[in-house]
Amino acid sequence: MGSAALEILGLVLCLVGWVGLILACGLPMWQVTAFLDHNIVTAQTTWKGLWMSCVVQSTGHMQCKVYDSVLALSTEVQAARALTVGAVLLALVALFVTLAGAQCTTCVAPGPGKARVALTGGALYALCGLLALVPLCWFANIVVREFYDPTVPMSQKYELGAALYIGWAASALLMCGGGLVCCGAWLCAGRPDLGFPVKYSAPRRPTATGDYDKKNYV
């Protein structure tokens, strides 16, 4: 039962991380305008993401514009799009693989093969977390480097947006959840007695007197 609990806990963490990664991919707050002057009254704030840029006025009005041309985007934005979307799709594949090999499902017959399927799903989830870290850290490095670059004008300096932090948390959940799924599958392969207890009982048949047979078959 312990290995099954690890698999279920790991799968829950992976699902939460997957949702967080989708949220980070869609949010436009990868870069946020940095206010470096002493004037606390700002007219507008600019957000930049993978798919659109938004301008938030001091009155609360927000206007967003989707990028018109993919080829006109910078290299880091195009690469971040591909890697993030690839990580999201790979997490979807990992979900089906993990569910097929989980001890609480009957998609695959119990045995070493079922544990290997679950182990593969956990490894795919861990790979998703690592794959998502690449664009996040790349973007963060660019933002920090340009922030401290004296040749960049003050009006064009940006800070790390909330989407980056959400993405980092999602990557950590994917890697931790994938590791727990792998541990649960490994324990189940080495100790079958720790697996999910499933009992099967034969259907009751009526006896000659009309009563049902009271015997239990396990």
N, C-alpha and C. Protein backbone atom coordinates (compact mmCIF):
# COMPACT_ATOMS: atom_id res chain seq x y z
N MET A 1 0.83 -1.21 0.00
CA MET A 1 0.00 0.00 0.00
C MET A 1 0.87 1.26 0.00
N GLY A 2 2.09 1.17 0.59
CA GLY A 2 2.96 2.33 0.66
C GLY A 2 3.41 2.81 -0.70
N SER A 3 3.75 1.88 -1.58
CA SER A 3 4.18 2.26 -2.92
C SER A 3 3.04 2.88 -3.72
N ALA A 4 1.83 2.37 -3.54
CA ALA A 4 0.67 2.94 -4.23
C ALA A 4 0.40 4.36 -3.75
N ALA A 5 0.57 4.61 -2.45
CA ALA A 5 0.38 5.96 -1.92
C ALA A 5 1.40 6.92 -2.50
N LEU A 6 2.64 6.46 -2.67
CA LEU A 6 3.67 7.30 -3.28
C LEU A 6 3.30 7.65 -4.72
N GLU A 7 2.80 6.66 -5.45
CA GLU A 7 2.41 6.91 -6.84
C GLU A 7 1.27 7.92 -6.93
N ILE A 8 0.28 7.76 -6.07
CA ILE A 8 -0.87 8.67 -6.10
C ILE A 8 -0.45 10.08 -5.71
N LEU A 9 0.38 10.20 -4.65
CA LEU A 9 0.87 11.52 -4.24
C LEU A 9 1.70 12.16 -5.34
N GLY A 10 2.57 11.37 -5.96
CA GLY A 10 3.38 11.90 -7.05
C GLY A 10 2.54 12.34 -8.23
N LEU A 11 1.50 11.56 -8.55
CA LEU A 11 0.63 11.92 -9.67
C LEU A 11 -0.13 13.21 -9.39
N VAL A 12 -0.57 13.41 -8.15
CA VAL A 12 -1.27 14.65 -7.79
C VAL A 12 -0.34 15.84 -7.93
N LEU A 13 0.90 15.71 -7.45
CA LEU A 13 1.87 16.80 -7.59
C LEU A 13 2.16 17.11 -9.05
N CYS A 14 2.25 16.06 -9.86
CA CYS A 14 2.50 16.26 -11.29
C CYS A 14 1.34 16.98 -11.97
N LEU A 15 0.13 16.64 -11.59
CA LEU A 15 -1.04 17.31 -12.19
C LEU A 15 -1.08 18.78 -11.81
N VAL A 16 -0.77 19.08 -10.54
CA VAL A 16 -0.74 20.48 -10.12
C VAL A 16 0.37 21.22 -10.86
N GLY A 17 1.54 20.58 -11.00
CA GLY A 17 2.63 21.20 -11.74
C GLY A 17 2.30 21.41 -13.20
N TRP A 18 1.56 20.46 -13.79
CA TRP A 18 1.16 20.58 -15.19
C TRP A 18 0.23 21.78 -15.39
N VAL A 19 -0.74 21.94 -14.50
CA VAL A 19 -1.64 23.08 -14.58
C VAL A 19 -0.86 24.39 -14.39
N GLY A 20 0.09 24.39 -13.46
CA GLY A 20 0.90 25.59 -13.26
C GLY A 20 1.76 25.92 -14.47
N LEU A 21 2.26 24.89 -15.15
CA LEU A 21 3.07 25.13 -16.35
C LEU A 21 2.22 25.71 -17.49
N ILE A 22 1.00 25.21 -17.63
CA ILE A 22 0.09 25.78 -18.64
C ILE A 22 -0.22 27.23 -18.31
N LEU A 23 -0.44 27.51 -17.02
CA LEU A 23 -0.73 28.88 -16.61
C LEU A 23 0.46 29.80 -16.88
N ALA A 24 1.66 29.32 -16.56
CA ALA A 24 2.85 30.14 -16.80
C ALA A 24 3.08 30.37 -18.29
N CYS A 25 2.76 29.38 -19.10
CA CYS A 25 2.92 29.52 -20.55
C CYS A 25 1.97 30.57 -21.12
N GLY A 26 0.76 30.64 -20.61
CA GLY A 26 -0.23 31.55 -21.16
C GLY A 26 -0.19 32.96 -20.60
N LEU A 27 0.36 33.15 -19.39
CA LEU A 27 0.38 34.47 -18.78
C LEU A 27 1.35 35.40 -19.51
N PRO A 28 1.00 36.66 -19.64
CA PRO A 28 1.90 37.61 -20.32
C PRO A 28 2.95 38.23 -19.41
N MET A 29 3.03 37.81 -18.16
CA MET A 29 3.92 38.46 -17.20
C MET A 29 5.25 37.73 -17.07
N TRP A 30 5.95 37.55 -18.19
CA TRP A 30 7.31 37.02 -18.15
C TRP A 30 8.30 38.16 -17.89
N GLN A 31 8.01 39.31 -18.43
CA GLN A 31 8.81 40.51 -18.17
C GLN A 31 7.87 41.64 -17.75
N VAL A 32 8.25 42.36 -16.71
CA VAL A 32 7.43 43.45 -16.18
C VAL A 32 8.29 44.70 -16.11
N THR A 33 7.70 45.83 -16.46
CA THR A 33 8.43 47.09 -16.44
C THR A 33 9.05 47.36 -15.08
N ALA A 34 10.33 47.74 -15.09
CA ALA A 34 11.04 48.08 -13.86
C ALA A 34 10.98 49.60 -13.66
N PHE A 35 10.55 50.02 -12.48
CA PHE A 35 10.47 51.45 -12.15
C PHE A 35 11.69 51.82 -11.32
N LEU A 36 12.61 52.53 -11.92
CA LEU A 36 13.88 52.86 -11.27
C LEU A 36 13.98 54.32 -10.84
N ASP A 37 13.03 55.13 -11.28
CA ASP A 37 13.10 56.54 -10.89
C ASP A 37 12.44 56.73 -9.53
N HIS A 38 12.51 57.95 -9.05
CA HIS A 38 11.96 58.25 -7.72
C HIS A 38 10.51 58.67 -7.76
N ASN A 39 9.92 58.71 -8.92
CA ASN A 39 8.51 59.10 -9.04
C ASN A 39 7.63 57.88 -8.81
N ILE A 40 6.83 57.90 -7.76
CA ILE A 40 6.01 56.74 -7.44
C ILE A 40 4.73 56.71 -8.27
N VAL A 41 4.41 57.79 -8.95
CA VAL A 41 3.22 57.85 -9.80
C VAL A 41 3.64 57.43 -11.21
N THR A 42 3.12 56.33 -11.68
CA THR A 42 3.47 55.81 -13.00
C THR A 42 2.24 55.82 -13.89
N ALA A 43 2.46 56.18 -15.14
CA ALA A 43 1.34 56.27 -16.08
C ALA A 43 0.90 54.89 -16.55
N GLN A 44 1.86 54.00 -16.82
CA GLN A 44 1.51 52.69 -17.35
C GLN A 44 2.59 51.67 -17.02
N THR A 45 2.17 50.42 -17.04
CA THR A 45 3.06 49.29 -16.81
C THR A 45 2.98 48.36 -18.01
N THR A 46 4.12 47.87 -18.46
CA THR A 46 4.17 47.00 -19.63
C THR A 46 4.50 45.57 -19.19
N TRP A 47 3.72 44.63 -19.69
CA TRP A 47 3.97 43.22 -19.48
C TRP A 47 4.32 42.59 -20.82
N LYS A 48 5.25 41.66 -20.82
CA LYS A 48 5.62 40.93 -22.03
C LYS A 48 5.65 39.44 -21.74
N GLY A 49 5.01 38.67 -22.60
CA GLY A 49 4.98 37.22 -22.44
C GLY A 49 5.38 36.52 -23.72
N LEU A 50 5.04 35.25 -23.81
CA LEU A 50 5.39 34.46 -24.99
C LEU A 50 4.43 34.68 -26.14
N TRP A 51 3.20 35.09 -25.83
CA TRP A 51 2.17 35.17 -26.86
C TRP A 51 1.64 36.57 -27.08
N MET A 52 1.81 37.45 -26.11
CA MET A 52 1.24 38.78 -26.22
C MET A 52 1.98 39.75 -25.30
N SER A 53 1.73 41.01 -25.50
CA SER A 53 2.23 42.06 -24.61
C SER A 53 1.03 42.89 -24.16
N CYS A 54 1.07 43.35 -22.93
CA CYS A 54 -0.04 44.10 -22.35
C CYS A 54 0.47 45.41 -21.76
N VAL A 55 -0.38 46.41 -21.82
CA VAL A 55 -0.11 47.70 -21.22
C VAL A 55 -1.21 47.99 -20.21
N VAL A 56 -0.83 48.19 -18.96
CA VAL A 56 -1.79 48.46 -17.89
C VAL A 56 -1.67 49.92 -17.51
N GLN A 57 -2.76 50.67 -17.66
CA GLN A 57 -2.77 52.08 -17.32
C GLN A 57 -2.91 52.27 -15.81
N SER A 58 -2.57 53.45 -15.34
CA SER A 58 -2.69 53.76 -13.92
C SER A 58 -4.15 53.77 -13.47
N THR A 59 -5.07 53.91 -14.42
CA THR A 59 -6.49 53.89 -14.09
C THR A 59 -7.04 52.47 -13.94
N GLY A 60 -6.22 51.47 -14.26
CA GLY A 60 -6.67 50.09 -14.18
C GLY A 60 -7.06 49.49 -15.52
N HIS A 61 -7.13 50.31 -16.54
CA HIS A 61 -7.47 49.80 -17.88
C HIS A 61 -6.29 49.05 -18.46
N MET A 62 -6.54 47.86 -19.01
CA MET A 62 -5.49 47.03 -19.58
C MET A 62 -5.80 46.72 -21.03
N GLN A 63 -4.81 46.82 -21.87
CA GLN A 63 -4.95 46.53 -23.29
C GLN A 63 -3.83 45.58 -23.71
N CYS A 64 -4.21 44.45 -24.31
CA CYS A 64 -3.25 43.43 -24.71
C CYS A 64 -3.27 43.27 -26.23
N LYS A 65 -2.14 42.92 -26.79
CA LYS A 65 -1.99 42.72 -28.22
C LYS A 65 -1.19 41.46 -28.47
N VAL A 66 -1.77 40.54 -29.23
CA VAL A 66 -1.09 39.29 -29.57
C VAL A 66 -0.04 39.59 -30.63
N TYR A 67 1.10 38.91 -30.53
CA TYR A 67 2.16 39.12 -31.51
C TYR A 67 1.67 38.71 -32.89
N ASP A 68 1.87 39.60 -33.85
CA ASP A 68 1.37 39.36 -35.21
C ASP A 68 2.21 38.35 -35.98
N SER A 69 3.51 38.47 -35.91
CA SER A 69 4.40 37.63 -36.71
C SER A 69 5.28 36.78 -35.80
N VAL A 70 5.35 35.49 -36.11
CA VAL A 70 6.21 34.60 -35.34
C VAL A 70 7.67 34.81 -35.71
N LEU A 71 7.94 35.00 -37.00
CA LEU A 71 9.31 35.16 -37.46
C LEU A 71 9.93 36.46 -36.98
N ALA A 72 9.10 37.45 -36.66
CA ALA A 72 9.62 38.73 -36.19
C ALA A 72 10.01 38.70 -34.72
N LEU A 73 9.66 37.64 -34.02
CA LEU A 73 9.98 37.54 -32.60
C LEU A 73 11.46 37.24 -32.41
N SER A 74 11.96 37.53 -31.23
CA SER A 74 13.35 37.25 -30.91
C SER A 74 13.57 35.74 -30.77
N THR A 75 14.83 35.36 -30.82
CA THR A 75 15.17 33.94 -30.77
C THR A 75 14.74 33.31 -29.45
N GLU A 76 14.94 34.03 -28.35
CA GLU A 76 14.60 33.46 -27.06
C GLU A 76 13.10 33.24 -26.91
N VAL A 77 12.28 34.13 -27.47
CA VAL A 77 10.83 33.95 -27.38
C VAL A 77 10.39 32.75 -28.22
N GLN A 78 10.92 32.60 -29.41
CA GLN A 78 10.56 31.45 -30.24
C GLN A 78 10.98 30.14 -29.59
N ALA A 79 12.20 30.11 -29.04
CA ALA A 79 12.67 28.89 -28.37
C ALA A 79 11.86 28.60 -27.11
N ALA A 80 11.52 29.66 -26.35
CA ALA A 80 10.72 29.45 -25.14
C ALA A 80 9.35 28.92 -25.48
N ARG A 81 8.76 29.41 -26.56
CA ARG A 81 7.46 28.89 -27.00
C ARG A 81 7.55 27.40 -27.30
N ALA A 82 8.53 27.02 -28.09
CA ALA A 82 8.65 25.62 -28.50
C ALA A 82 8.92 24.71 -27.30
N LEU A 83 9.82 25.11 -26.43
CA LEU A 83 10.16 24.26 -25.29
C LEU A 83 9.01 24.16 -24.29
N THR A 84 8.33 25.28 -24.04
CA THR A 84 7.24 25.25 -23.06
C THR A 84 6.06 24.43 -23.57
N VAL A 85 5.68 24.65 -24.82
CA VAL A 85 4.58 23.87 -25.40
C VAL A 85 4.97 22.39 -25.48
N GLY A 86 6.22 22.12 -25.83
CA GLY A 86 6.68 20.73 -25.86
C GLY A 86 6.61 20.07 -24.49
N ALA A 87 6.98 20.82 -23.44
CA ALA A 87 6.89 20.28 -22.08
C ALA A 87 5.45 20.00 -21.67
N VAL A 88 4.53 20.89 -22.06
CA VAL A 88 3.11 20.68 -21.74
C VAL A 88 2.57 19.44 -22.43
N LEU A 89 2.90 19.26 -23.71
CA LEU A 89 2.42 18.08 -24.45
C LEU A 89 3.07 16.80 -23.93
N LEU A 90 4.34 16.88 -23.57
CA LEU A 90 5.01 15.70 -23.01
C LEU A 90 4.41 15.31 -21.67
N ALA A 91 3.98 16.31 -20.89
CA ALA A 91 3.32 16.01 -19.61
C ALA A 91 1.99 15.31 -19.83
N LEU A 92 1.30 15.65 -20.93
CA LEU A 92 0.05 14.96 -21.24
C LEU A 92 0.31 13.49 -21.58
N VAL A 93 1.36 13.23 -22.35
CA VAL A 93 1.74 11.85 -22.64
C VAL A 93 2.12 11.11 -21.36
N ALA A 94 2.88 11.80 -20.50
CA ALA A 94 3.28 11.18 -19.23
C ALA A 94 2.08 10.85 -18.36
N LEU A 95 1.03 11.66 -18.43
CA LEU A 95 -0.18 11.38 -17.66
C LEU A 95 -0.80 10.06 -18.07
N PHE A 96 -0.96 9.84 -19.38
CA PHE A 96 -1.55 8.59 -19.85
C PHE A 96 -0.67 7.39 -19.51
N VAL A 97 0.64 7.55 -19.65
CA VAL A 97 1.56 6.45 -19.35
C VAL A 97 1.51 6.11 -17.86
N THR A 98 1.50 7.14 -17.02
CA THR A 98 1.47 6.91 -15.57
C THR A 98 0.16 6.26 -15.14
N LEU A 99 -0.96 6.72 -15.71
CA LEU A 99 -2.24 6.12 -15.36
C LEU A 99 -2.30 4.67 -15.81
N ALA A 100 -1.69 4.36 -16.96
CA ALA A 100 -1.70 2.98 -17.43
C ALA A 100 -0.88 2.07 -16.51
N GLY A 101 0.21 2.60 -15.95
CA GLY A 101 1.04 1.79 -15.09
C GLY A 101 0.77 1.92 -13.61
N ALA A 102 -0.16 2.77 -13.22
CA ALA A 102 -0.46 2.96 -11.80
C ALA A 102 -1.07 1.70 -11.21
N GLN A 103 -0.81 1.49 -9.94
CA GLN A 103 -1.31 0.28 -9.27
C GLN A 103 -2.81 0.34 -9.02
N CYS A 104 -3.38 1.55 -9.04
CA CYS A 104 -4.82 1.68 -8.79
C CYS A 104 -5.65 1.53 -10.05
N THR A 105 -5.02 1.24 -11.20
CA THR A 105 -5.75 1.03 -12.44
C THR A 105 -5.51 -0.38 -12.94
N THR A 106 -6.32 -0.80 -13.90
CA THR A 106 -6.23 -2.16 -14.45
C THR A 106 -5.93 -2.13 -15.95
N CYS A 107 -5.31 -1.04 -16.43
CA CYS A 107 -5.00 -0.95 -17.86
C CYS A 107 -3.94 -1.97 -18.26
N VAL A 108 -2.99 -2.23 -17.37
CA VAL A 108 -1.91 -3.18 -17.62
C VAL A 108 -1.98 -4.25 -16.54
N ALA A 109 -1.73 -5.48 -16.92
CA ALA A 109 -1.77 -6.59 -15.96
C ALA A 109 -0.71 -6.40 -14.89
N PRO A 110 -1.03 -6.69 -13.62
CA PRO A 110 -0.05 -6.53 -12.54
C PRO A 110 1.19 -7.37 -12.80
N GLY A 111 2.32 -6.82 -12.43
CA GLY A 111 3.58 -7.52 -12.63
C GLY A 111 4.71 -6.55 -12.86
N PRO A 112 5.88 -7.07 -13.18
CA PRO A 112 7.03 -6.20 -13.43
C PRO A 112 6.81 -5.24 -14.59
N GLY A 113 6.06 -5.68 -15.61
CA GLY A 113 5.79 -4.80 -16.75
C GLY A 113 4.99 -3.58 -16.36
N LYS A 114 4.04 -3.75 -15.47
CA LYS A 114 3.22 -2.62 -15.00
C LYS A 114 4.07 -1.62 -14.24
N ALA A 115 4.99 -2.11 -13.42
CA ALA A 115 5.88 -1.22 -12.67
C ALA A 115 6.80 -0.45 -13.62
N ARG A 116 7.25 -1.12 -14.69
CA ARG A 116 8.11 -0.43 -15.66
C ARG A 116 7.36 0.67 -16.39
N VAL A 117 6.08 0.45 -16.67
CA VAL A 117 5.27 1.49 -17.32
C VAL A 117 5.13 2.70 -16.41
N ALA A 118 4.85 2.47 -15.13
CA ALA A 118 4.74 3.58 -14.17
C ALA A 118 6.08 4.29 -14.01
N LEU A 119 7.17 3.52 -14.01
CA LEU A 119 8.50 4.12 -13.91
C LEU A 119 8.78 5.01 -15.11
N THR A 120 8.34 4.59 -16.28
CA THR A 120 8.51 5.41 -17.49
C THR A 120 7.72 6.70 -17.39
N GLY A 121 6.48 6.62 -16.88
CA GLY A 121 5.67 7.82 -16.71
C GLY A 121 6.29 8.81 -15.74
N GLY A 122 6.83 8.30 -14.62
CA GLY A 122 7.49 9.19 -13.68
C GLY A 122 8.73 9.85 -14.27
N ALA A 123 9.49 9.09 -15.05
CA ALA A 123 10.68 9.65 -15.70
C ALA A 123 10.29 10.73 -16.71
N LEU A 124 9.18 10.52 -17.43
CA LEU A 124 8.72 11.53 -18.38
C LEU A 124 8.30 12.81 -17.66
N TYR A 125 7.67 12.67 -16.51
CA TYR A 125 7.29 13.87 -15.75
C TYR A 125 8.52 14.63 -15.27
N ALA A 126 9.53 13.91 -14.80
CA ALA A 126 10.76 14.58 -14.38
C ALA A 126 11.43 15.27 -15.56
N LEU A 127 11.39 14.63 -16.73
CA LEU A 127 11.94 15.25 -17.93
C LEU A 127 11.17 16.51 -18.32
N CYS A 128 9.86 16.51 -18.11
CA CYS A 128 9.05 17.71 -18.37
C CYS A 128 9.50 18.87 -17.50
N GLY A 129 9.75 18.59 -16.22
CA GLY A 129 10.22 19.64 -15.32
C GLY A 129 11.55 20.22 -15.75
N LEU A 130 12.48 19.36 -16.17
CA LEU A 130 13.78 19.84 -16.64
C LEU A 130 13.64 20.62 -17.94
N LEU A 131 12.77 20.13 -18.83
CA LEU A 131 12.57 20.81 -20.11
C LEU A 131 11.96 22.19 -19.92
N ALA A 132 11.05 22.32 -18.94
CA ALA A 132 10.43 23.63 -18.69
C ALA A 132 11.40 24.60 -18.03
N LEU A 133 12.41 24.08 -17.33
CA LEU A 133 13.37 24.97 -16.67
C LEU A 133 14.24 25.72 -17.67
N VAL A 134 14.46 25.12 -18.84
CA VAL A 134 15.37 25.74 -19.82
C VAL A 134 14.88 27.13 -20.26
N PRO A 135 13.66 27.28 -20.79
CA PRO A 135 13.22 28.63 -21.19
C PRO A 135 13.06 29.57 -20.01
N LEU A 136 12.65 29.05 -18.86
CA LEU A 136 12.46 29.92 -17.70
C LEU A 136 13.78 30.54 -17.24
N CYS A 137 14.78 29.70 -17.10
CA CYS A 137 16.09 30.21 -16.67
C CYS A 137 16.74 31.06 -17.76
N TRP A 138 16.53 30.71 -19.00
CA TRP A 138 17.07 31.49 -20.11
C TRP A 138 16.47 32.90 -20.11
N PHE A 139 15.16 32.98 -19.97
CA PHE A 139 14.49 34.28 -19.93
C PHE A 139 14.95 35.09 -18.72
N ALA A 140 15.04 34.43 -17.57
CA ALA A 140 15.46 35.14 -16.36
C ALA A 140 16.89 35.68 -16.51
N ASN A 141 17.75 34.92 -17.14
CA ASN A 141 19.12 35.37 -17.35
C ASN A 141 19.16 36.60 -18.26
N ILE A 142 18.34 36.61 -19.31
CA ILE A 142 18.30 37.75 -20.22
C ILE A 142 17.78 39.00 -19.50
N VAL A 143 16.72 38.84 -18.71
CA VAL A 143 16.14 39.98 -17.98
C VAL A 143 17.15 40.57 -17.00
N VAL A 144 17.83 39.70 -16.25
CA VAL A 144 18.80 40.18 -15.26
C VAL A 144 19.99 40.84 -15.96
N ARG A 145 20.46 40.24 -17.05
CA ARG A 145 21.61 40.80 -17.75
C ARG A 145 21.29 42.19 -18.32
N GLU A 146 20.11 42.34 -18.91
CA GLU A 146 19.73 43.64 -19.47
C GLU A 146 19.45 44.66 -18.38
N PHE A 147 18.99 44.18 -17.22
CA PHE A 147 18.70 45.11 -16.13
C PHE A 147 19.98 45.79 -15.64
N TYR A 148 21.07 45.04 -15.58
CA TYR A 148 22.33 45.60 -15.10
C TYR A 148 23.22 46.12 -16.22
N ASP A 149 22.73 46.09 -17.45
CA ASP A 149 23.49 46.62 -18.57
C ASP A 149 23.35 48.14 -18.62
N PRO A 150 24.44 48.88 -18.46
CA PRO A 150 24.32 50.35 -18.45
C PRO A 150 23.96 50.93 -19.80
N THR A 151 24.13 50.17 -20.88
CA THR A 151 23.80 50.71 -22.21
C THR A 151 22.31 50.64 -22.51
N VAL A 152 21.55 49.88 -21.72
CA VAL A 152 20.11 49.78 -21.93
C VAL A 152 19.42 50.96 -21.25
N PRO A 153 18.57 51.70 -21.94
CA PRO A 153 17.88 52.84 -21.33
C PRO A 153 16.99 52.41 -20.16
N MET A 154 16.80 53.33 -19.23
CA MET A 154 15.99 53.04 -18.06
C MET A 154 14.57 52.64 -18.44
N SER A 155 14.03 53.23 -19.47
CA SER A 155 12.65 52.95 -19.87
C SER A 155 12.49 51.57 -20.49
N GLN A 156 13.60 50.92 -20.85
CA GLN A 156 13.54 49.60 -21.48
C GLN A 156 14.03 48.48 -20.57
N LYS A 157 14.19 48.76 -19.32
CA LYS A 157 14.61 47.74 -18.36
C LYS A 157 13.38 47.04 -17.79
N TYR A 158 13.51 45.74 -17.60
CA TYR A 158 12.40 44.93 -17.10
C TYR A 158 12.86 44.11 -15.91
N GLU A 159 11.88 43.65 -15.15
CA GLU A 159 12.12 42.77 -14.01
C GLU A 159 11.45 41.42 -14.26
N LEU A 160 11.78 40.46 -13.40
CA LEU A 160 11.20 39.12 -13.52
C LEU A 160 9.71 39.18 -13.21
N GLY A 161 8.91 38.59 -14.09
CA GLY A 161 7.47 38.60 -13.90
C GLY A 161 6.97 37.42 -13.09
N ALA A 162 5.70 37.48 -12.74
CA ALA A 162 5.09 36.43 -11.91
C ALA A 162 5.04 35.09 -12.64
N ALA A 163 4.94 35.12 -13.97
CA ALA A 163 4.86 33.86 -14.73
C ALA A 163 6.12 33.03 -14.56
N LEU A 164 7.28 33.68 -14.42
CA LEU A 164 8.52 32.93 -14.23
C LEU A 164 8.51 32.18 -12.90
N TYR A 165 8.03 32.84 -11.86
CA TYR A 165 7.98 32.19 -10.55
C TYR A 165 6.98 31.04 -10.54
N ILE A 166 5.84 31.23 -11.21
CA ILE A 166 4.87 30.15 -11.32
C ILE A 166 5.47 28.98 -12.09
N GLY A 167 6.20 29.28 -13.16
CA GLY A 167 6.84 28.23 -13.94
C GLY A 167 7.89 27.48 -13.14
N TRP A 168 8.68 28.19 -12.34
CA TRP A 168 9.68 27.51 -11.51
C TRP A 168 9.01 26.59 -10.48
N ALA A 169 7.94 27.06 -9.87
CA ALA A 169 7.22 26.21 -8.92
C ALA A 169 6.63 24.99 -9.62
N ALA A 170 6.08 25.19 -10.81
CA ALA A 170 5.51 24.07 -11.56
C ALA A 170 6.59 23.06 -11.94
N SER A 171 7.76 23.54 -12.34
CA SER A 171 8.86 22.63 -12.68
C SER A 171 9.29 21.81 -11.47
N ALA A 172 9.36 22.47 -10.31
CA ALA A 172 9.73 21.75 -9.10
C ALA A 172 8.70 20.68 -8.75
N LEU A 173 7.41 20.99 -8.90
CA LEU A 173 6.36 20.01 -8.62
C LEU A 173 6.43 18.84 -9.60
N LEU A 174 6.70 19.13 -10.88
CA LEU A 174 6.80 18.06 -11.87
C LEU A 174 7.96 17.13 -11.55
N MET A 175 9.10 17.69 -11.19
CA MET A 175 10.26 16.85 -10.89
C MET A 175 10.07 16.07 -9.60
N CYS A 176 9.52 16.71 -8.57
CA CYS A 176 9.27 16.00 -7.31
C CYS A 176 8.21 14.92 -7.49
N GLY A 177 7.11 15.27 -8.19
CA GLY A 177 6.06 14.28 -8.42
C GLY A 177 6.56 13.12 -9.26
N GLY A 178 7.34 13.41 -10.32
CA GLY A 178 7.90 12.33 -11.12
C GLY A 178 8.82 11.44 -10.32
N GLY A 179 9.60 12.04 -9.42
CA GLY A 179 10.46 11.23 -8.56
C GLY A 179 9.67 10.33 -7.62
N LEU A 180 8.57 10.84 -7.07
CA LEU A 180 7.74 10.01 -6.19
C LEU A 180 7.09 8.86 -6.96
N VAL A 181 6.64 9.13 -8.20
CA VAL A 181 6.06 8.06 -9.01
C VAL A 181 7.11 6.99 -9.30
N CYS A 182 8.32 7.41 -9.61
CA CYS A 182 9.40 6.45 -9.88
C CYS A 182 9.72 5.64 -8.63
N CYS A 183 9.75 6.30 -7.47
CA CYS A 183 10.02 5.57 -6.21
C CYS A 183 8.93 4.55 -5.92
N GLY A 184 7.65 4.95 -6.12
CA GLY A 184 6.56 4.01 -5.90
C GLY A 184 6.62 2.82 -6.83
N ALA A 185 6.93 3.07 -8.10
CA ALA A 185 7.04 1.97 -9.05
C ALA A 185 8.23 1.07 -8.72
N TRP A 186 9.32 1.67 -8.29
CA TRP A 186 10.52 0.88 -7.94
C TRP A 186 10.24 0.00 -6.72
N LEU A 187 9.56 0.56 -5.73
CA LEU A 187 9.22 -0.23 -4.55
C LEU A 187 8.27 -1.36 -4.89
N CYS A 188 7.32 -1.08 -5.77
CA CYS A 188 6.37 -2.12 -6.16
C CYS A 188 7.06 -3.24 -6.92
N ALA A 189 8.04 -2.90 -7.74
CA ALA A 189 8.76 -3.93 -8.50
C ALA A 189 9.62 -4.79 -7.58
N GLY A 190 10.20 -4.16 -6.54
CA GLY A 190 11.05 -4.91 -5.63
C GLY A 190 10.30 -5.60 -4.52
N ARG A 191 9.18 -5.03 -4.08
CA ARG A 191 8.38 -5.59 -2.99
C ARG A 191 6.93 -5.65 -3.42
N PRO A 192 6.49 -6.71 -4.08
CA PRO A 192 5.09 -6.78 -4.51
C PRO A 192 4.10 -6.71 -3.37
N ASP A 193 4.53 -7.07 -2.14
CA ASP A 193 3.61 -7.04 -1.01
C ASP A 193 3.24 -5.62 -0.61
N LEU A 194 4.03 -4.62 -1.09
CA LEU A 194 3.72 -3.23 -0.78
C LEU A 194 2.76 -2.61 -1.77
N GLY A 195 2.34 -3.37 -2.76
CA GLY A 195 1.48 -2.84 -3.80
C GLY A 195 0.07 -2.60 -3.33
N PHE A 196 -0.75 -2.12 -4.27
CA PHE A 196 -2.13 -1.79 -3.96
C PHE A 196 -2.91 -3.08 -3.73
N PRO A 197 -3.54 -3.26 -2.57
CA PRO A 197 -4.26 -4.51 -2.30
C PRO A 197 -5.57 -4.58 -3.08
N VAL A 198 -5.65 -5.53 -3.95
CA VAL A 198 -6.86 -5.75 -4.74
C VAL A 198 -7.35 -7.16 -4.49
N LYS A 199 -8.58 -7.29 -4.05
CA LYS A 199 -9.17 -8.58 -3.77
C LYS A 199 -10.33 -8.83 -4.71
N TYR A 200 -10.39 -10.05 -5.20
CA TYR A 200 -11.44 -10.44 -6.11
C TYR A 200 -12.25 -11.55 -5.46
N SER A 201 -13.54 -11.46 -5.53
CA SER A 201 -14.42 -12.48 -4.96
C SER A 201 -15.31 -13.03 -6.07
N ALA A 202 -15.52 -14.33 -6.03
CA ALA A 202 -16.35 -14.96 -7.04
C ALA A 202 -17.82 -14.60 -6.82
N PRO A 203 -18.59 -14.53 -7.88
CA PRO A 203 -20.01 -14.19 -7.72
C PRO A 203 -20.74 -15.29 -6.96
N ARG A 204 -21.68 -14.87 -6.13
CA ARG A 204 -22.43 -15.84 -5.33
C ARG A 204 -23.46 -16.56 -6.20
N ARG A 205 -23.55 -17.84 -5.98
CA ARG A 205 -24.50 -18.64 -6.75
C ARG A 205 -25.58 -19.19 -5.82
N PRO A 206 -26.79 -19.24 -6.30
CA PRO A 206 -27.87 -19.78 -5.45
C PRO A 206 -27.69 -21.30 -5.26
N THR A 207 -27.98 -21.76 -4.04
CA THR A 207 -27.91 -23.19 -3.74
C THR A 207 -29.24 -23.85 -4.05
N ALA A 208 -29.29 -25.13 -3.75
CA ALA A 208 -30.52 -25.87 -4.04
C ALA A 208 -31.70 -25.37 -3.22
N THR A 209 -31.44 -24.84 -2.03
CA THR A 209 -32.53 -24.35 -1.17
C THR A 209 -32.96 -22.94 -1.54
N GLY A 210 -32.26 -22.30 -2.48
CA GLY A 210 -32.62 -20.94 -2.87
C GLY A 210 -31.79 -19.87 -2.21
N ASP A 211 -30.97 -20.26 -1.16
CA ASP A 211 -30.09 -19.29 -0.51
C ASP A 211 -28.81 -19.12 -1.32
N TYR A 212 -28.06 -18.04 -1.03
CA TYR A 212 -26.80 -17.81 -1.70
C TYR A 212 -25.65 -18.46 -0.95
N ASP A 213 -24.66 -18.90 -1.68
CA ASP A 213 -23.49 -19.52 -1.08
C ASP A 213 -22.72 -18.46 -0.29
N LYS A 214 -22.39 -18.77 0.95
CA LYS A 214 -21.75 -17.81 1.83
C LYS A 214 -20.22 -17.83 1.72
N LYS A 215 -19.64 -18.66 0.89
CA LYS A 215 -18.20 -18.77 0.79
C LYS A 215 -17.63 -17.55 0.08
N ASN A 216 -16.49 -17.11 0.55
CA ASN A 216 -15.79 -15.97 -0.07
C ASN A 216 -14.56 -16.50 -0.77
N TYR A 217 -14.37 -16.07 -1.96
CA TYR A 217 -13.20 -16.45 -2.72
C TYR A 217 -12.33 -15.21 -2.94
N VAL A 218 -11.07 -15.35 -2.59
CA VAL A 218 -10.14 -14.25 -2.71
C VAL A 218 -9.13 -14.59 -3.79
